[in-house]
Amino acid sequence: MITLRARLAQALDYVWGGWGAAASLLLLVALWEAGHAAYGTLVLPSPRETFAALWRMTLDGRVWPAVVETSRNALVGFLGGVVVGGALGALAGLSDMMRRLLAPIATLMLGIPAIAWVVLSLLWFGGSGLAVVFTVLVTSAPIVFASAAEGVRSLDGALRRMARAFRVPRRVLVWDVYLPHMLSYLFPAVATALALSWKIAVMTELLSGAGGIGDGLATARVQVDTVKAMAWILVVVALLLAIEYLLLEPLRRRLLTWRRELPGAEARDMPGI
């Protein structure tokens, strides 16, 4: 009964969170309309004008190809960053020598502004999709590296030794001990890197002319068309919201359910207890 009540409470919490997000968006639209009334279309187009422009751009066939191109570049760079950052972070967590070698490099890469990587990628790869992929990779990899290294280093050595003493199967050890522990460190970093990937991809496309949403923003800037610029920004925001609420939030609740299965977790999850 407690487990069923806890799951119902979690479902209601998720639905309520969606309503909260919707209320926040409605408030933002109201402020947007107030800004348009105060400053005019040249500075801030109205929501109606922006949605109308977005609809025309969609009918003209410009939105979906741009979304696909930006998404492809962002995802390829993001996956490369997760693989490279995760692998090197695991090595740094397992070996003190590797940690001393790689940690300063990761700190240096984190300290370099994203716009500097954009400039370097344009000089090295020109205005191509490879420049976008490279920029996303080098900005996301250090984030994943830091979390992976900390996750491996914080694994309980006594728990590992106990598992070996009781001859726990390796599959069970990996699935029930190592994976939940690593996810608690990796998932927030991966979620942050995924959201950052789209922003970096759009910025690189804007400066490189490599196509995608960023190229649409660059064209609107050249034409001094604030309405189209806001329409493209709306596309980026919609993508980020879809990633957060349709992908990351369900995954977060699915992958981190192990915390709720700890003794007493059901009671802590129940409202008012």
C-alpha atoms as a PDB file:
ATOM      1  CA  MET A   1       0.000   0.000   0.000  1.00  0.00           C
ATOM      2  CA  ILE A   2       2.778   2.402   0.896  1.00  0.00           C
ATOM      3  CA  THR A   3       4.574   1.665  -2.371  1.00  0.00           C
ATOM      4  CA  LEU A   4       1.386   2.268  -4.370  1.00  0.00           C
ATOM      5  CA  ARG A   5       0.738   5.505  -2.507  1.00  0.00           C
ATOM      6  CA  ALA A   6       4.315   6.595  -3.094  1.00  0.00           C
ATOM      7  CA  ARG A   7       4.040   5.939  -6.824  1.00  0.00           C
ATOM      8  CA  LEU A   8       0.746   7.813  -7.029  1.00  0.00           C
ATOM      9  CA  ALA A   9       2.343  10.712  -5.169  1.00  0.00           C
ATOM     10  CA  GLN A  10       5.264  10.694  -7.611  1.00  0.00           C
ATOM     11  CA  ALA A  11       2.899  10.697 -10.599  1.00  0.00           C
ATOM     12  CA  LEU A  12       0.902  13.571  -9.129  1.00  0.00           C
ATOM     13  CA  ASP A  13       4.112  15.434  -8.400  1.00  0.00           C
ATOM     14  CA  TYR A  14       5.205  15.038 -12.030  1.00  0.00           C
ATOM     15  CA  VAL A  15       1.826  16.264 -13.332  1.00  0.00           C
ATOM     16  CA  TRP A  16       1.863  19.170 -10.897  1.00  0.00           C
ATOM     17  CA  GLY A  17       5.370  20.053 -12.050  1.00  0.00           C
ATOM     18  CA  GLY A  18       4.054  20.210 -15.616  1.00  0.00           C
ATOM     19  CA  TRP A  19       1.297  22.601 -14.585  1.00  0.00           C
ATOM     20  CA  GLY A  20       3.870  24.718 -12.793  1.00  0.00           C
ATOM     21  CA  ALA A  21       5.974  24.896 -15.943  1.00  0.00           C
ATOM     22  CA  ALA A  22       2.893  25.845 -17.983  1.00  0.00           C
ATOM     23  CA  ALA A  23       2.065  28.624 -15.509  1.00  0.00           C
ATOM     24  CA  SER A  24       5.633  29.926 -15.760  1.00  0.00           C
ATOM     25  CA  LEU A  25       5.402  29.978 -19.558  1.00  0.00           C
ATOM     26  CA  LEU A  26       2.094  31.858 -19.462  1.00  0.00           C
ATOM     27  CA  LEU A  27       3.619  34.424 -17.116  1.00  0.00           C
ATOM     28  CA  LEU A  28       6.575  34.806 -19.484  1.00  0.00           C
ATOM     29  CA  VAL A  29       4.229  35.333 -22.448  1.00  0.00           C
ATOM     30  CA  ALA A  30       2.347  38.004 -20.477  1.00  0.00           C
ATOM     31  CA  LEU A  31       5.594  39.821 -19.700  1.00  0.00           C
ATOM     32  CA  TRP A  32       6.584  39.442 -23.347  1.00  0.00           C
ATOM     33  CA  GLU A  33       3.328  41.106 -24.443  1.00  0.00           C
ATOM     34  CA  ALA A  34       3.856  43.897 -21.927  1.00  0.00           C
ATOM     35  CA  GLY A  35       7.378  44.467 -23.284  1.00  0.00           C
ATOM     36  CA  HIS A  36       6.016  44.644 -26.826  1.00  0.00           C
ATOM     37  CA  ALA A  37       3.390  47.192 -25.775  1.00  0.00           C
ATOM     38  CA  ALA A  38       6.100  49.318 -24.152  1.00  0.00           C
ATOM     39  CA  TYR A  39       8.837  49.176 -26.821  1.00  0.00           C
ATOM     40  CA  GLY A  40       7.196  48.225 -30.131  1.00  0.00           C
ATOM     41  CA  THR A  41       7.800  45.589 -32.773  1.00  0.00           C
ATOM     42  CA  LEU A  42      11.303  46.693 -33.778  1.00  0.00           C
ATOM     43  CA  VAL A  43      12.646  46.016 -30.282  1.00  0.00           C
ATOM     44  CA  LEU A  44      10.339  43.197 -29.167  1.00  0.00           C
ATOM     45  CA  PRO A  45       7.709  41.699 -31.495  1.00  0.00           C
ATOM     46  CA  SER A  46       4.455  40.542 -29.965  1.00  0.00           C
ATOM     47  CA  PRO A  47       3.845  36.820 -29.304  1.00  0.00           C
ATOM     48  CA  ARG A  48       1.167  36.815 -32.009  1.00  0.00           C
ATOM     49  CA  GLU A  49       3.550  38.248 -34.620  1.00  0.00           C
ATOM     50  CA  THR A  50       6.270  35.818 -33.605  1.00  0.00           C
ATOM     51  CA  PHE A  51       4.045  32.728 -33.764  1.00  0.00           C
ATOM     52  CA  ALA A  52       2.653  33.892 -37.119  1.00  0.00           C
ATOM     53  CA  ALA A  53       6.183  34.287 -38.506  1.00  0.00           C
ATOM     54  CA  LEU A  54       7.138  30.865 -37.151  1.00  0.00           C
ATOM     55  CA  TRP A  55       4.090  29.324 -38.812  1.00  0.00           C
ATOM     56  CA  ARG A  56       4.978  30.915 -42.180  1.00  0.00           C
ATOM     57  CA  MET A  57       8.575  29.721 -41.871  1.00  0.00           C
ATOM     58  CA  THR A  58       7.342  26.213 -41.101  1.00  0.00           C
ATOM     59  CA  LEU A  59       5.038  26.202 -44.138  1.00  0.00           C
ATOM     60  CA  ASP A  60       7.936  27.428 -46.289  1.00  0.00           C
ATOM     61  CA  GLY A  61       9.954  24.388 -45.235  1.00  0.00           C
ATOM     62  CA  ARG A  62      12.714  26.262 -43.413  1.00  0.00           C
ATOM     63  CA  VAL A  63      12.187  25.188 -39.824  1.00  0.00           C
ATOM     64  CA  TRP A  64      12.360  21.394 -39.839  1.00  0.00           C
ATOM     65  CA  PRO A  65      15.538  21.074 -41.979  1.00  0.00           C
ATOM     66  CA  ALA A  66      17.234  23.610 -39.695  1.00  0.00           C
ATOM     67  CA  VAL A  67      16.082  21.765 -36.570  1.00  0.00           C
ATOM     68  CA  VAL A  68      17.330  18.441 -37.965  1.00  0.00           C
ATOM     69  CA  GLU A  69      20.726  19.877 -38.912  1.00  0.00           C
ATOM     70  CA  THR A  70      21.262  21.612 -35.572  1.00  0.00           C
ATOM     71  CA  SER A  71      20.082  18.549 -33.659  1.00  0.00           C
ATOM     72  CA  ARG A  72      22.394  16.267 -35.610  1.00  0.00           C
ATOM     73  CA  ASN A  73      25.458  18.445 -35.004  1.00  0.00           C
ATOM     74  CA  ALA A  74      24.581  18.947 -31.338  1.00  0.00           C
ATOM     75  CA  LEU A  75      23.926  15.251 -30.686  1.00  0.00           C
ATOM     76  CA  VAL A  76      27.086  14.052 -32.443  1.00  0.00           C
ATOM     77  CA  GLY A  77      29.219  16.505 -30.473  1.00  0.00           C
ATOM     78  CA  PHE A  78      27.378  15.693 -27.241  1.00  0.00           C
ATOM     79  CA  LEU A  79      27.780  11.932 -27.633  1.00  0.00           C
ATOM     80  CA  GLY A  80      31.453  12.402 -28.447  1.00  0.00           C
ATOM     81  CA  GLY A  81      31.857  14.545 -25.335  1.00  0.00           C
ATOM     82  CA  VAL A  82      30.101  11.951 -23.155  1.00  0.00           C
ATOM     83  CA  VAL A  83      32.252   9.105 -24.484  1.00  0.00           C
ATOM     84  CA  VAL A  84      35.550  10.999 -24.241  1.00  0.00           C
ATOM     85  CA  GLY A  85      34.759  12.731 -20.949  1.00  0.00           C
ATOM     86  CA  GLY A  86      33.286   9.602 -19.377  1.00  0.00           C
ATOM     87  CA  ALA A  87      36.175   7.343 -20.391  1.00  0.00           C
ATOM     88  CA  LEU A  88      38.887   9.771 -19.307  1.00  0.00           C
ATOM     89  CA  GLY A  89      36.980  10.557 -16.108  1.00  0.00           C
ATOM     90  CA  ALA A  90      36.764   6.863 -15.252  1.00  0.00           C
ATOM     91  CA  LEU A  91      40.520   6.527 -15.801  1.00  0.00           C
ATOM     92  CA  ALA A  92      41.145   9.559 -13.585  1.00  0.00           C
ATOM     93  CA  GLY A  93      38.931   8.077 -10.891  1.00  0.00           C
ATOM     94  CA  LEU A  94      40.709   4.735 -10.968  1.00  0.00           C
ATOM     95  CA  SER A  95      44.270   6.066 -11.075  1.00  0.00           C
ATOM     96  CA  ASP A  96      45.746   8.907  -9.025  1.00  0.00           C
ATOM     97  CA  MET A  97      48.442   9.378 -11.646  1.00  0.00           C
ATOM     98  CA  MET A  98      45.867   9.820 -14.414  1.00  0.00           C
ATOM     99  CA  ARG A  99      43.878  12.187 -12.202  1.00  0.00           C
ATOM    100  CA  ARG A 100      46.933  14.379 -11.629  1.00  0.00           C
ATOM    101  CA  LEU A 101      47.622  14.320 -15.355  1.00  0.00           C
ATOM    102  CA  LEU A 102      44.103  14.955 -16.679  1.00  0.00           C
ATOM    103  CA  ALA A 103      42.458  17.148 -14.018  1.00  0.00           C
ATOM    104  CA  PRO A 104      44.482  20.304 -14.852  1.00  0.00           C
ATOM    105  CA  ILE A 105      43.693  19.844 -18.543  1.00  0.00           C
ATOM    106  CA  ALA A 106      39.975  19.536 -17.810  1.00  0.00           C
ATOM    107  CA  THR A 107      40.107  22.622 -15.589  1.00  0.00           C
ATOM    108  CA  LEU A 108      41.893  24.536 -18.350  1.00  0.00           C
ATOM    109  CA  MET A 109      39.292  23.506 -20.924  1.00  0.00           C
ATOM    110  CA  LEU A 110      36.461  24.502 -18.601  1.00  0.00           C
ATOM    111  CA  GLY A 111      38.063  27.902 -18.142  1.00  0.00           C
ATOM    112  CA  ILE A 112      38.219  28.658 -21.876  1.00  0.00           C
ATOM    113  CA  PRO A 113      35.065  30.561 -22.948  1.00  0.00           C
ATOM    114  CA  ALA A 114      32.817  28.815 -25.448  1.00  0.00           C
ATOM    115  CA  ILE A 115      33.170  31.720 -27.882  1.00  0.00           C
ATOM    116  CA  ALA A 116      36.946  31.142 -27.971  1.00  0.00           C
ATOM    117  CA  TRP A 117      36.374  27.520 -28.980  1.00  0.00           C
ATOM    118  CA  VAL A 118      33.995  28.753 -31.681  1.00  0.00           C
ATOM    119  CA  VAL A 119      36.680  31.036 -33.133  1.00  0.00           C
ATOM    120  CA  LEU A 120      39.288  28.256 -33.037  1.00  0.00           C
ATOM    121  CA  SER A 121      36.930  25.757 -34.654  1.00  0.00           C
ATOM    122  CA  LEU A 122      36.198  28.222 -37.476  1.00  0.00           C
ATOM    123  CA  LEU A 123      39.921  28.698 -38.080  1.00  0.00           C
ATOM    124  CA  TRP A 124      40.571  24.947 -38.040  1.00  0.00           C
ATOM    125  CA  PHE A 125      37.498  23.532 -39.794  1.00  0.00           C
ATOM    126  CA  GLY A 126      35.941  26.482 -41.614  1.00  0.00           C
ATOM    127  CA  GLY A 127      32.207  27.081 -41.806  1.00  0.00           C
ATOM    128  CA  SER A 128      31.180  23.421 -41.784  1.00  0.00           C
ATOM    129  CA  GLY A 129      29.227  21.121 -39.524  1.00  0.00           C
ATOM    130  CA  LEU A 130      32.512  19.734 -38.230  1.00  0.00           C
ATOM    131  CA  ALA A 131      33.192  23.076 -36.541  1.00  0.00           C
ATOM    132  CA  VAL A 132      29.878  22.783 -34.686  1.00  0.00           C
ATOM    133  CA  VAL A 133      30.533  19.182 -33.633  1.00  0.00           C
ATOM    134  CA  PHE A 134      34.038  20.001 -32.403  1.00  0.00           C
ATOM    135  CA  THR A 135      32.888  23.009 -30.364  1.00  0.00           C
ATOM    136  CA  VAL A 136      30.107  21.036 -28.690  1.00  0.00           C
ATOM    137  CA  LEU A 137      32.489  18.161 -27.933  1.00  0.00           C
ATOM    138  CA  VAL A 138      35.203  20.246 -26.273  1.00  0.00           C
ATOM    139  CA  THR A 139      32.700  22.191 -24.163  1.00  0.00           C
ATOM    140  CA  SER A 140      30.727  19.159 -22.955  1.00  0.00           C
ATOM    141  CA  ALA A 141      33.561  16.669 -22.375  1.00  0.00           C
ATOM    142  CA  PRO A 142      35.115  18.453 -19.344  1.00  0.00           C
ATOM    143  CA  ILE A 143      31.725  18.603 -17.597  1.00  0.00           C
ATOM    144  CA  VAL A 144      31.237  14.847 -17.949  1.00  0.00           C
ATOM    145  CA  PHE A 145      34.883  14.196 -17.072  1.00  0.00           C
ATOM    146  CA  ALA A 146      34.622  15.879 -13.668  1.00  0.00           C
ATOM    147  CA  SER A 147      31.479  13.965 -12.665  1.00  0.00           C
ATOM    148  CA  ALA A 148      32.745  10.615 -13.939  1.00  0.00           C
ATOM    149  CA  ALA A 149      36.025  10.989 -12.047  1.00  0.00           C
ATOM    150  CA  GLU A 150      34.254  11.910  -8.825  1.00  0.00           C
ATOM    151  CA  GLY A 151      31.759   9.091  -9.231  1.00  0.00           C
ATOM    152  CA  VAL A 152      34.467   6.441  -9.653  1.00  0.00           C
ATOM    153  CA  ARG A 153      36.604   7.832  -6.809  1.00  0.00           C
ATOM    154  CA  SER A 154      33.680   7.847  -4.389  1.00  0.00           C
ATOM    155  CA  LEU A 155      32.797   4.178  -4.889  1.00  0.00           C
ATOM    156  CA  ASP A 156      32.780   2.433  -1.518  1.00  0.00           C
ATOM    157  CA  GLY A 157      35.865   0.191  -1.382  1.00  0.00           C
ATOM    158  CA  ALA A 158      34.540  -1.708   1.643  1.00  0.00           C
ATOM    159  CA  LEU A 159      31.360  -2.503  -0.261  1.00  0.00           C
ATOM    160  CA  ARG A 160      33.386  -3.852  -3.188  1.00  0.00           C
ATOM    161  CA  ARG A 161      35.454  -6.046  -0.876  1.00  0.00           C
ATOM    162  CA  MET A 162      32.335  -7.358   0.829  1.00  0.00           C
ATOM    163  CA  ALA A 163      30.787  -8.189  -2.544  1.00  0.00           C
ATOM    164  CA  ARG A 164      33.896 -10.135  -3.524  1.00  0.00           C
ATOM    165  CA  ALA A 165      33.952 -11.950  -0.171  1.00  0.00           C
ATOM    166  CA  PHE A 166      30.366 -13.098  -0.676  1.00  0.00           C
ATOM    167  CA  ARG A 167      31.082 -13.879  -4.340  1.00  0.00           C
ATOM    168  CA  VAL A 168      28.392 -11.584  -5.686  1.00  0.00           C
ATOM    169  CA  PRO A 169      28.084 -12.098  -9.462  1.00  0.00           C
ATOM    170  CA  ARG A 170      29.762  -9.361 -11.463  1.00  0.00           C
ATOM    171  CA  ARG A 171      26.563  -8.601 -13.353  1.00  0.00           C
ATOM    172  CA  VAL A 172      24.680  -8.013 -10.103  1.00  0.00           C
ATOM    173  CA  LEU A 173      27.537  -5.937  -8.723  1.00  0.00           C
ATOM    174  CA  VAL A 174      27.635  -3.716 -11.807  1.00  0.00           C
ATOM    175  CA  TRP A 175      23.857  -3.394 -12.185  1.00  0.00           C
ATOM    176  CA  ASP A 176      22.826  -2.998  -8.539  1.00  0.00           C
ATOM    177  CA  VAL A 177      25.869  -1.270  -6.995  1.00  0.00           C
ATOM    178  CA  TYR A 178      28.138   0.437  -9.494  1.00  0.00           C
ATOM    179  CA  LEU A 179      25.535   1.701 -11.986  1.00  0.00           C
ATOM    180  CA  PRO A 180      23.155   3.386  -9.477  1.00  0.00           C
ATOM    181  CA  HIS A 181      26.098   5.038  -7.750  1.00  0.00           C
ATOM    182  CA  MET A 182      27.602   6.303 -11.016  1.00  0.00           C
ATOM    183  CA  LEU A 183      24.239   7.569 -12.275  1.00  0.00           C
ATOM    184  CA  SER A 184      23.844   9.784  -9.231  1.00  0.00           C
ATOM    185  CA  TYR A 185      27.002  11.611 -10.340  1.00  0.00           C
ATOM    186  CA  LEU A 186      26.822  11.280 -14.110  1.00  0.00           C
ATOM    187  CA  PHE A 187      23.194  12.062 -14.851  1.00  0.00           C
ATOM    188  CA  PRO A 188      23.197  15.722 -13.686  1.00  0.00           C
ATOM    189  CA  ALA A 189      26.402  16.364 -15.657  1.00  0.00           C
ATOM    190  CA  VAL A 190      25.065  14.616 -18.773  1.00  0.00           C
ATOM    191  CA  ALA A 191      21.780  16.550 -18.535  1.00  0.00           C
ATOM    192  CA  THR A 192      23.674  19.838 -18.231  1.00  0.00           C
ATOM    193  CA  ALA A 193      25.940  18.953 -21.155  1.00  0.00           C
ATOM    194  CA  LEU A 194      22.964  17.963 -23.320  1.00  0.00           C
ATOM    195  CA  ALA A 195      21.159  21.259 -22.729  1.00  0.00           C
ATOM    196  CA  LEU A 196      24.406  23.178 -23.276  1.00  0.00           C
ATOM    197  CA  SER A 197      25.054  21.327 -26.545  1.00  0.00           C
ATOM    198  CA  TRP A 198      22.097  22.938 -28.306  1.00  0.00           C
ATOM    199  CA  LYS A 199      23.084  26.438 -27.196  1.00  0.00           C
ATOM    200  CA  ILE A 200      26.687  25.978 -28.295  1.00  0.00           C
ATOM    201  CA  ALA A 201      25.581  24.461 -31.607  1.00  0.00           C
ATOM    202  CA  VAL A 202      23.299  27.415 -32.394  1.00  0.00           C
ATOM    203  CA  MET A 203      26.018  29.927 -31.454  1.00  0.00           C
ATOM    204  CA  THR A 204      28.581  28.196 -33.658  1.00  0.00           C
ATOM    205  CA  GLU A 205      26.164  28.008 -36.583  1.00  0.00           C
ATOM    206  CA  LEU A 206      25.347  31.696 -36.200  1.00  0.00           C
ATOM    207  CA  LEU A 207      29.006  32.706 -36.505  1.00  0.00           C
ATOM    208  CA  SER A 208      30.066  30.091 -39.063  1.00  0.00           C
ATOM    209  CA  GLY A 209      27.122  30.090 -41.458  1.00  0.00           C
ATOM    210  CA  ALA A 210      27.081  26.285 -41.259  1.00  0.00           C
ATOM    211  CA  GLY A 211      23.295  26.108 -41.658  1.00  0.00           C
ATOM    212  CA  GLY A 212      20.773  25.124 -39.037  1.00  0.00           C
ATOM    213  CA  ILE A 213      18.959  27.366 -36.601  1.00  0.00           C
ATOM    214  CA  GLY A 214      22.010  29.567 -36.063  1.00  0.00           C
ATOM    215  CA  ASP A 215      22.178  30.348 -39.773  1.00  0.00           C
ATOM    216  CA  GLY A 216      18.528  31.400 -39.676  1.00  0.00           C
ATOM    217  CA  LEU A 217      19.297  33.743 -36.791  1.00  0.00           C
ATOM    218  CA  ALA A 218      22.260  35.195 -38.710  1.00  0.00           C
ATOM    219  CA  THR A 219      20.042  35.842 -41.743  1.00  0.00           C
ATOM    220  CA  ALA A 220      17.418  37.577 -39.583  1.00  0.00           C
ATOM    221  CA  ARG A 221      20.158  39.749 -38.053  1.00  0.00           C
ATOM    222  CA  VAL A 222      21.443  40.799 -41.492  1.00  0.00           C
ATOM    223  CA  GLN A 223      17.893  41.639 -42.607  1.00  0.00           C
ATOM    224  CA  VAL A 224      17.205  43.484 -39.317  1.00  0.00           C
ATOM    225  CA  ASP A 225      14.104  41.314 -38.993  1.00  0.00           C
ATOM    226  CA  THR A 226      13.385  41.096 -35.261  1.00  0.00           C
ATOM    227  CA  VAL A 227      10.225  39.072 -35.811  1.00  0.00           C
ATOM    228  CA  LYS A 228      12.094  36.256 -37.591  1.00  0.00           C
ATOM    229  CA  ALA A 229      14.879  36.393 -35.024  1.00  0.00           C
ATOM    230  CA  MET A 230      12.350  35.918 -32.232  1.00  0.00           C
ATOM    231  CA  ALA A 231      10.729  33.075 -34.190  1.00  0.00           C
ATOM    232  CA  TRP A 232      14.060  31.242 -34.378  1.00  0.00           C
ATOM    233  CA  ILE A 233      14.665  31.878 -30.680  1.00  0.00           C
ATOM    234  CA  LEU A 234      11.243  30.365 -30.033  1.00  0.00           C
ATOM    235  CA  VAL A 235      12.346  27.234 -31.909  1.00  0.00           C
ATOM    236  CA  VAL A 236      15.444  26.943 -29.677  1.00  0.00           C
ATOM    237  CA  VAL A 237      13.366  27.397 -26.515  1.00  0.00           C
ATOM    238  CA  ALA A 238      10.849  24.790 -27.678  1.00  0.00           C
ATOM    239  CA  LEU A 239      13.686  22.324 -28.309  1.00  0.00           C
ATOM    240  CA  LEU A 240      15.170  22.896 -24.857  1.00  0.00           C
ATOM    241  CA  LEU A 241      11.775  22.509 -23.164  1.00  0.00           C
ATOM    242  CA  ALA A 242      11.100  19.303 -25.107  1.00  0.00           C
ATOM    243  CA  ILE A 243      14.481  17.901 -24.073  1.00  0.00           C
ATOM    244  CA  GLU A 244      13.905  18.792 -20.423  1.00  0.00           C
ATOM    245  CA  TYR A 245      10.323  17.605 -19.959  1.00  0.00           C
ATOM    246  CA  LEU A 246      10.006  14.833 -22.550  1.00  0.00           C
ATOM    247  CA  LEU A 247      13.463  13.265 -22.224  1.00  0.00           C
ATOM    248  CA  LEU A 248      15.501  14.316 -19.203  1.00  0.00           C
ATOM    249  CA  GLU A 249      12.778  14.484 -16.554  1.00  0.00           C
ATOM    250  CA  PRO A 250      11.293  11.028 -17.324  1.00  0.00           C
ATOM    251  CA  LEU A 251      14.801   9.563 -17.508  1.00  0.00           C
ATOM    252  CA  ARG A 252      15.735  11.211 -14.221  1.00  0.00           C
ATOM    253  CA  ARG A 253      12.721   9.695 -12.495  1.00  0.00           C
ATOM    254  CA  ARG A 254      13.290   6.319 -14.133  1.00  0.00           C
ATOM    255  CA  LEU A 255      17.035   6.007 -13.556  1.00  0.00           C
ATOM    256  CA  LEU A 256      17.151   7.359 -10.029  1.00  0.00           C
ATOM    257  CA  THR A 257      14.307   5.298  -8.602  1.00  0.00           C
ATOM    258  CA  TRP A 258      16.881   3.316  -6.603  1.00  0.00           C
ATOM    259  CA  ARG A 259      16.980   6.156  -4.078  1.00  0.00           C
ATOM    260  CA  ARG A 260      13.283   5.723  -3.365  1.00  0.00           C
ATOM    261  CA  GLU A 261      13.815   2.023  -2.747  1.00  0.00           C
ATOM    262  CA  LEU A 262      16.079   2.653   0.244  1.00  0.00           C
ATOM    263  CA  PRO A 263      14.604   1.875   3.697  1.00  0.00           C
ATOM    264  CA  GLY A 264      12.235   4.637   4.744  1.00  0.00           C
ATOM    265  CA  ALA A 265      12.346   6.327   1.325  1.00  0.00           C
ATOM    266  CA  GLU A 266       8.633   5.695   0.721  1.00  0.00           C
ATOM    267  CA  ALA A 267       7.725   7.559   3.881  1.00  0.00           C
ATOM    268  CA  ARG A 268       9.999  10.441   3.004  1.00  0.00           C
ATOM    269  CA  ASP A 269       8.436  10.705  -0.436  1.00  0.00           C
ATOM    270  CA  MET A 270       4.896  10.902   0.900  1.00  0.00           C
ATOM    271  CA  PRO A 271       3.528  14.437   1.309  1.00  0.00           C
ATOM    272  CA  GLY A 272       3.159  15.575   4.868  1.00  0.00           C
ATOM    273  CA  ILE A 273       5.345  12.799   6.352  1.00  0.00           C
END
